[in-house]
């Protein structure tokens, strides 16, 4: 993993976390990063369960009409005061997984769920990798 880029880790985390939360996980040996996100993400979800549930239901996502742009609006809202933190980065993944779960329950295709995973990974890579780098990288604590 030492030679893995920030973007590759962002996408790995997104794929792993969404699959983990949907019960599609076949990765019985997740990376250190994925294992940490699973643990912290579960804590965040437990703490903000009602707010996340309300946000996802209110969003009423339709992958055909909405797509990456509308999901990006939600991700942008997480950072609307321009302050970044590890907790907010975790929230990007948590929201993507919650939205994927909603899509799964609505009967959307597997491609839609994988698309949400890509949206989250791309968002972190495109908007947050510089902040992550400034913090010393993914393993900075």
Protein backbone atom coordinates (compact mmCIF):
# COMPACT_ATOMS: atom_id res chain seq x y z
CA UNK A 1 0.00 0.00 0.00
CA UNK A 2 2.99 2.32 0.36
CA UNK A 3 2.96 3.13 -3.35
CA UNK A 4 -0.82 3.52 -3.55
CA UNK A 5 -2.00 7.01 -4.47
CA UNK A 6 -4.42 9.08 -2.44
CA UNK A 7 -7.01 8.65 -5.15
CA UNK A 8 -6.62 4.89 -5.29
CA UNK A 9 -7.14 4.68 -1.54
CA UNK A 10 -10.17 6.99 -1.79
CA UNK A 11 -11.75 4.64 -4.34
CA UNK A 12 -10.75 1.49 -2.47
CA UNK A 13 -12.39 2.85 0.66
CA UNK A 14 -15.54 3.77 -1.16
CA UNK A 15 -15.93 0.40 -2.84
CA UNK A 16 -15.16 -1.52 0.32
CA UNK A 17 -17.41 0.51 2.59
CA UNK A 18 -20.46 0.48 0.31
CA UNK A 19 -20.12 -3.27 -0.28
CA UNK A 20 -19.60 -3.83 3.45
CA UNK A 21 -22.72 -1.87 4.38
CA UNK A 22 -24.84 -3.65 1.76
CA UNK A 23 -23.74 -7.08 2.85
CA UNK A 24 -21.97 -7.65 -0.46
CA UNK A 25 -18.58 -7.80 1.12
CA UNK A 26 -16.39 -10.58 -0.10
CA UNK A 27 -13.26 -8.95 1.29
CA UNK A 28 -12.58 -10.89 4.48
CA UNK A 29 -9.19 -9.26 4.84
CA UNK A 30 -9.76 -5.50 4.36
CA UNK A 31 -6.84 -3.10 4.27
CA UNK A 32 -5.92 -1.11 7.34
CA UNK A 33 -7.68 1.90 5.82
CA UNK A 34 -10.86 -0.02 5.00
CA UNK A 35 -10.96 -1.65 8.41
CA UNK A 36 -10.63 1.75 10.07
CA UNK A 37 -13.37 3.25 7.90
CA UNK A 38 -15.68 0.34 8.68
CA UNK A 39 -15.20 0.84 12.42
CA UNK A 40 -15.47 4.64 12.40
CA UNK A 41 -18.24 4.65 9.80
CA UNK A 42 -20.33 2.29 11.92
CA UNK A 43 -19.91 4.64 14.88
CA UNK A 44 -20.91 7.66 12.80
CA UNK A 45 -23.93 5.85 11.39
CA UNK A 46 -25.06 4.81 14.83
CA UNK A 47 -24.70 8.34 16.18
CA UNK A 48 -26.42 10.08 13.24
CA UNK A 49 -28.82 7.33 12.20
CA UNK A 50 -32.03 9.37 12.23
CA UNK A 51 -30.48 12.38 10.49
CA UNK A 52 -28.99 10.16 7.77
CA UNK A 53 -32.23 8.30 7.31
CA UNK A 54 -34.14 11.57 6.96
CA UNK A 55 -31.61 13.03 4.55
CA UNK A 56 -31.64 9.99 2.29
CA UNK A 57 -35.45 9.79 2.27
CA UNK A 58 -35.79 13.51 1.65
CA UNK A 59 -33.23 13.35 -1.14
CA UNK A 60 -35.36 10.73 -2.94
CA UNK A 61 -32.50 9.81 -5.27
CA UNK A 62 -33.28 8.70 -8.80
CA UNK A 63 -30.10 7.55 -10.57
CA UNK A 64 -31.56 8.20 -14.01
CA UNK A 65 -32.54 11.80 -13.25
CA UNK A 66 -30.03 12.77 -10.59
CA UNK A 67 -26.60 11.22 -11.10
CA UNK A 68 -23.23 12.41 -9.88
CA UNK A 69 -24.02 16.11 -9.93
CA UNK A 70 -26.87 15.89 -7.41
CA UNK A 71 -24.90 13.56 -5.15
CA UNK A 72 -22.02 16.04 -5.34
CA UNK A 73 -24.35 18.76 -4.06
CA UNK A 74 -24.90 16.71 -0.90
CA UNK A 75 -21.18 16.06 -0.54
CA UNK A 76 -20.52 19.79 -1.01
CA UNK A 77 -23.01 20.54 1.76
CA UNK A 78 -20.97 18.42 4.15
CA UNK A 79 -18.12 20.88 3.56
CA UNK A 80 -20.19 24.03 3.07
CA UNK A 81 -18.24 26.07 5.61
CA UNK A 82 -15.08 24.92 3.82
CA UNK A 83 -13.76 23.19 6.91
CA UNK A 84 -12.44 19.72 6.31
CA UNK A 85 -11.95 17.04 8.93
CA UNK A 86 -11.57 13.29 9.00
CA UNK A 87 -15.11 13.06 10.37
CA UNK A 88 -16.50 14.88 7.37
CA UNK A 89 -14.57 12.68 5.00
CA UNK A 90 -16.03 9.64 6.74
CA UNK A 91 -19.48 11.20 6.30
CA UNK A 92 -19.00 11.23 2.50
CA UNK A 93 -18.55 7.47 2.58
CA UNK A 94 -21.34 6.94 5.09
CA UNK A 95 -23.81 8.97 3.04
CA UNK A 96 -22.85 7.13 -0.17
CA UNK A 97 -23.41 3.80 1.57
CA UNK A 98 -26.77 4.94 2.97
CA UNK A 99 -27.84 6.14 -0.45
CA UNK A 100 -26.69 2.85 -1.99
CA UNK A 101 -28.74 0.96 0.60
CA UNK A 102 -31.76 3.08 -0.34
CA UNK A 103 -31.19 2.24 -4.02
CA UNK A 104 -30.83 -1.44 -3.17
CA UNK A 105 -34.18 -1.37 -1.35
CA UNK A 106 -35.76 0.43 -4.32
CA UNK A 107 -34.63 -2.41 -6.57
CA UNK A 108 -32.10 -0.47 -8.62
CA UNK A 109 -29.48 -2.40 -10.53
CA UNK A 110 -26.09 -3.29 -9.07
CA UNK A 111 -24.55 -0.80 -11.52
CA UNK A 112 -26.37 2.04 -9.75
CA UNK A 113 -24.93 1.02 -6.41
CA UNK A 114 -21.43 0.73 -7.86
CA UNK A 115 -21.90 4.14 -9.47
CA UNK A 116 -22.57 5.70 -6.06
CA UNK A 117 -19.40 4.12 -4.77
CA UNK A 118 -17.46 5.66 -7.66
CA UNK A 119 -19.06 9.06 -7.01
CA UNK A 120 -17.86 9.06 -3.39
CA UNK A 121 -14.35 7.88 -4.28
CA UNK A 122 -14.06 10.48 -7.04
CA UNK A 123 -15.34 13.23 -4.79
CA UNK A 124 -12.73 12.47 -2.14
CA UNK A 125 -10.01 12.19 -4.76
CA UNK A 126 -10.98 15.37 -6.62
CA UNK A 127 -11.90 17.65 -3.71
CA UNK A 128 -10.15 16.37 -0.60
CA UNK A 129 -6.86 14.73 -1.51
CA UNK A 130 -4.91 17.97 -0.98
CA UNK A 131 -6.28 18.29 2.55
CA UNK A 132 -5.49 14.62 3.21
CA UNK A 133 -1.95 15.17 1.93
CA UNK A 134 -1.55 18.24 4.18
CA UNK A 135 -2.51 16.09 7.18
CA UNK A 136 0.28 13.65 6.44
CA UNK A 137 -1.76 11.26 4.33
CA UNK A 138 -4.31 8.60 5.13
CA UNK A 139 -2.30 7.38 8.11
CA UNK A 140 -1.47 10.57 9.93
CA UNK A 141 -2.46 9.91 13.53
